[in-house]
Every structure is written in C-alpha cells, then in structure tokens.
Amino acid sequence: MSNQTILSSIFILSWLSLLFMKKEDIKRFFPVGLFATVTSAMISKQVSRLAGGYIQ
C-alpha cells in the first residue's frame, strides 16, 4: 500500500467520522479544529520563509 493511499484514506475517514458525531459535539469542537488548522498553516508558512523556501 502506497503512502498516497494511506494519506488519502486517513483524510477521507476523518471527514466521514463527522457523520457519526452528535451535532452538539461538532458545534463544540469545530471552532477549535479550525483555529488549530489555520495557526498550524501560518506557522508552517513562516518557518518555510525563514528557511529560505527550502522546506516544502
């Protein structure tokens, strides 16, 4: 099994897990997940710029 297949299946399964969650839980944890995603992307971009663009 290739790495691409594993990564794709993890991505799809994580989104499918939302179907089994209670609506209250989604409302409770979605803002935190969104905040973590945005800050992680911003930090990754800054580190890439500081490293001269060599990190991809």
Protein backbone atom coordinates (compact mmCIF):
# COMPACT_ATOMS: atom_id res chain seq x y z
CA MET A 1 0.00 0.00 0.00
CA SER A 2 1.49 3.32 -1.02
CA ASN A 3 1.86 6.35 1.22
CA GLN A 4 -0.52 8.31 -1.00
CA THR A 5 -3.26 5.72 -0.47
CA ILE A 6 -2.77 5.77 3.29
CA LEU A 7 -2.86 9.57 3.44
CA SER A 8 -5.95 9.75 1.25
CA SER A 9 -7.79 7.16 3.33
CA ILE A 10 -6.94 8.98 6.58
CA PHE A 11 -8.24 12.24 5.09
CA ILE A 12 -11.50 10.69 3.88
CA LEU A 13 -12.12 8.69 7.07
CA SER A 14 -11.62 11.73 9.26
CA TRP A 15 -14.32 13.62 7.34
CA LEU A 16 -16.64 10.60 7.36
CA SER A 17 -16.36 10.43 11.14
CA LEU A 18 -18.36 13.67 11.28
CA LEU A 19 -21.42 11.72 10.18
CA PHE A 20 -21.31 9.71 13.42
CA MET A 21 -20.85 12.64 15.79
CA LYS A 22 -23.61 14.45 17.62
CA LYS A 23 -24.46 17.89 16.29
CA GLU A 24 -23.61 19.44 19.68
CA ASP A 25 -20.14 17.89 19.61
CA ILE A 26 -19.48 19.21 16.12
CA LYS A 27 -20.52 22.70 17.18
CA ARG A 28 -18.29 22.40 20.24
CA PHE A 29 -15.09 21.17 18.58
CA PHE A 30 -15.23 22.64 15.06
CA PRO A 31 -14.04 26.16 16.01
CA VAL A 32 -11.07 24.72 17.89
CA GLY A 33 -10.16 22.48 14.97
CA LEU A 34 -10.43 25.37 12.54
CA PHE A 35 -8.28 27.57 14.76
CA ALA A 36 -5.64 24.83 15.09
CA THR A 37 -5.59 24.30 11.32
CA VAL A 38 -5.21 27.98 10.50
CA THR A 39 -2.48 28.62 13.09
CA SER A 40 -0.60 25.49 12.03
CA ALA A 41 -0.67 26.61 8.39
CA MET A 42 0.51 30.10 9.32
CA ILE A 43 3.38 28.78 11.43
CA SER A 44 4.40 26.34 8.70
CA LYS A 45 4.43 29.14 6.13
CA GLN A 46 6.57 31.37 8.36
CA VAL A 47 9.07 28.58 9.04
CA SER A 48 9.30 27.92 5.32
CA ARG A 49 10.01 31.59 4.64
CA LEU A 50 12.65 31.77 7.39
CA ALA A 51 14.37 28.68 5.99
CA GLY A 52 14.65 30.34 2.60
CA GLY A 53 11.88 28.35 0.97
CA TYR A 54 13.71 25.03 1.14
CA ILE A 55 11.05 23.34 3.26
CA GLN A 56 8.03 22.18 1.31
